Protein backbone atom coordinates (compact mmCIF):
# COMPACT_ATOMS: atom_id res chain seq x y z
CA MET A 1 -49.64 26.48 13.58
CA ASN A 2 -52.22 23.91 15.38
CA LYS A 3 -52.57 23.20 18.28
CA ASP A 4 -54.52 20.33 18.23
CA GLN A 5 -53.07 18.75 14.93
CA ALA A 6 -50.53 15.84 16.04
CA VAL A 7 -46.85 16.50 15.77
CA PHE A 8 -44.88 13.79 14.01
CA ASN A 9 -40.84 12.11 12.52
CA VAL A 10 -39.10 14.90 15.83
CA ARG A 11 -35.95 14.69 14.96
CA THR A 12 -33.00 16.48 16.33
CA MET A 13 -31.07 18.03 13.62
CA GLU A 14 -27.98 15.78 14.32
CA GLN A 15 -30.19 13.29 12.97
CA ILE A 16 -31.53 15.33 10.15
CA VAL A 17 -27.57 15.89 9.26
CA ALA A 18 -26.68 12.38 9.37
CA GLN A 19 -29.35 11.13 7.81
CA SER A 20 -28.90 13.14 4.98
CA VAL A 21 -24.89 12.58 4.91
CA ALA A 22 -25.39 8.52 5.31
CA PRO A 23 -25.54 7.89 1.78
CA ARG A 24 -22.17 9.69 1.32
CA ARG A 25 -20.64 8.06 4.64
CA PHE A 26 -21.30 4.50 3.40
CA SER A 27 -19.89 5.16 0.52
CA MET A 28 -17.01 6.44 2.41
CA LEU A 29 -16.63 3.86 4.74
CA LEU A 30 -16.49 1.44 1.22
CA LEU A 31 -14.12 3.08 -0.32
CA THR A 32 -11.62 3.33 2.94
CA VAL A 33 -12.48 -1.17 3.46
CA PHE A 34 -11.32 -1.35 -0.66
CA ALA A 35 -8.24 0.79 -0.32
CA VAL A 36 -6.84 -0.99 3.29
CA ALA A 37 -7.77 -4.03 1.62
CA ALA A 38 -5.98 -3.03 -1.88
CA LEU A 39 -2.91 -2.25 0.39
CA ALA A 40 -2.67 -5.64 2.59
CA LEU A 41 -3.01 -7.39 -1.17
CA ALA A 42 0.28 -4.91 -2.38
CA SER A 43 2.47 -5.89 0.57
CA LEU A 44 1.36 -8.98 -0.18
CA GLY A 45 2.40 -9.35 -3.83
CA ILE A 46 5.71 -7.40 -3.01
CA TYR A 47 6.69 -9.73 -0.29
CA GLY A 48 5.54 -12.80 -1.99
CA LEU A 49 7.76 -11.68 -5.42
CA LEU A 50 10.50 -10.61 -3.68
CA SER A 51 10.51 -14.19 -1.28
CA TYR A 52 9.97 -16.03 -4.61
CA ALA A 53 13.13 -13.76 -6.04
CA VAL A 54 15.61 -14.73 -3.06
CA ALA A 55 14.46 -18.77 -2.76
CA GLN A 56 15.65 -18.98 -6.77
CA ARG A 57 19.05 -17.04 -6.29
CA SER A 58 20.17 -18.16 -3.45
CA ARG A 59 22.54 -20.12 -5.07
CA GLU A 60 24.14 -16.81 -6.49
CA ILE A 61 23.54 -15.16 -3.01
CA GLY A 62 25.37 -17.82 -1.46
CA VAL A 63 28.42 -17.40 -3.85
CA ARG A 64 28.01 -13.81 -3.16
CA ILE A 65 28.79 -14.66 0.67
CA ALA A 66 31.18 -16.91 0.15
CA LEU A 67 33.29 -15.01 -1.84
CA GLY A 68 33.19 -12.25 0.53
CA ALA A 69 30.08 -9.95 0.17
CA GLN A 70 29.98 -7.29 3.45
CA SER A 71 26.60 -8.58 5.46
CA SER A 72 25.26 -5.07 4.62
CA ASP A 73 25.48 -6.02 0.50
CA VAL A 74 23.21 -8.59 0.33
CA PRO A 75 20.26 -6.98 2.39
CA LYS A 76 21.08 -3.87 -0.11
CA LEU A 77 20.93 -6.04 -2.96
CA VAL A 78 16.92 -7.26 -2.10
CA ILE A 79 15.39 -4.20 -1.14
CA GLY A 80 16.75 -2.47 -3.62
CA GLN A 81 15.86 -5.02 -6.37
CA GLY A 82 12.76 -4.66 -4.23
CA MET A 83 12.56 -0.90 -4.08
CA LYS A 84 12.98 -0.25 -7.79
CA LEU A 85 9.87 -2.61 -8.60
CA ALA A 86 8.47 -0.52 -5.64
CA PHE A 87 8.76 3.21 -7.43
CA ILE A 88 7.80 2.45 -10.73
CA GLY A 89 4.52 1.24 -9.90
CA VAL A 90 3.83 4.43 -7.48
CA ALA A 91 5.04 6.13 -10.21
CA ILE A 92 2.41 4.67 -12.94
CA GLY A 93 0.10 4.87 -9.84
CA LEU A 94 0.87 8.84 -9.85
CA VAL A 95 -0.43 9.01 -13.59
CA ALA A 96 -3.39 6.64 -13.27
CA SER A 97 -4.10 8.61 -10.47
CA LEU A 98 -3.82 12.07 -11.98
CA ALA A 99 -6.07 10.53 -15.25
CA LEU A 100 -8.93 9.34 -13.02
CA THR A 101 -9.49 12.70 -10.95
CA ARG A 102 -12.49 13.19 -12.70
CA THR A 103 -14.07 10.63 -11.20
CA MET A 104 -13.28 11.47 -7.63
CA LYS A 105 -14.44 14.85 -7.38
CA THR A 106 -17.63 14.46 -6.78
CA LEU A 107 -16.64 12.05 -3.63
CA LEU A 108 -13.91 14.48 -2.28
CA PHE A 109 -15.24 17.17 -0.04
CA GLY A 110 -12.49 19.67 1.59
CA VAL A 111 -9.89 18.67 -0.61
CA SER A 112 -9.48 19.46 -4.24
CA ALA A 113 -8.96 16.36 -6.29
CA THR A 114 -5.46 17.41 -7.49
CA ASP A 115 -4.24 17.91 -3.82
CA PRO A 116 -0.25 17.45 -3.93
CA LEU A 117 0.04 16.99 0.00
CA THR A 118 -2.06 13.79 -1.00
CA PHE A 119 -0.54 12.20 -3.44
CA ALA A 120 3.25 13.05 -2.01
CA ALA A 121 1.31 11.18 1.63
CA ILE A 122 0.09 8.50 -0.26
CA ALA A 123 2.95 7.80 -2.47
CA LEU A 124 5.28 7.97 0.82
CA LEU A 125 3.06 5.12 2.90
CA LEU A 126 3.05 2.64 -0.46
CA THR A 127 7.21 3.17 -0.70
CA LEU A 128 6.72 2.49 3.13
CA VAL A 129 4.36 -0.47 3.02
CA ALA A 130 6.91 -1.89 0.12
CA LEU A 131 9.86 -1.60 2.03
CA LEU A 132 8.67 -3.33 5.02
CA ALA A 133 7.18 -5.78 2.42
CA CYS A 134 11.12 -5.97 1.43
CA PHE A 135 12.57 -6.27 4.25
CA VAL A 136 11.62 -10.08 5.73
CA PRO A 137 12.89 -11.53 2.24
CA ALA A 138 16.12 -9.39 2.92
CA ARG A 139 16.92 -10.87 5.99
CA ARG A 140 15.81 -14.25 5.07
CA ALA A 141 18.29 -13.36 1.77
CA THR A 142 21.56 -12.60 4.61
CA LYS A 143 21.12 -16.61 6.28
CA VAL A 144 21.15 -18.13 3.57
CA ASP A 145 23.96 -20.47 4.47
CA PRO A 146 27.02 -20.43 1.37
CA LEU A 147 27.94 -24.46 1.48
CA ALA A 148 24.32 -25.46 1.24
CA ALA A 149 23.73 -23.08 -1.31
CA LEU A 150 27.32 -23.93 -3.86
CA ARG A 151 26.03 -27.78 -3.10
CA ALA A 152 22.20 -27.21 -4.49
CA GLU A 153 21.54 -28.04 -7.95
């Protein structure tokens, strides 16, 4: 407009767009970090709970092995117990997340708050994490020495 006027605050369109979405990007980064932390805590909780349950039931597991339980029966027992708890937790989480979708609508872009694919993917991911968390205590349960378990107490 005026060739003698100074030009200031010159930025590219990419910089302008990046600055305009920076608060939302930071919010999503925080949500991602907290979601990963929650997933890690849930995995550790399931692992700790099942490790404790296996330690408490080592005598019972030893008796089962001494009485001729197949090598696949003991892990099935431990994993079945853990997965039952995981399925209950996933069901409660799905119901709670459906109830809280209104609060998340302002943070979602390009995805509806009740997207069935997202809900199914997250439920599957949490179930797989629970299965992996159940696997280590189940392997430990197969290594219980029946004689040591029967003599303990």
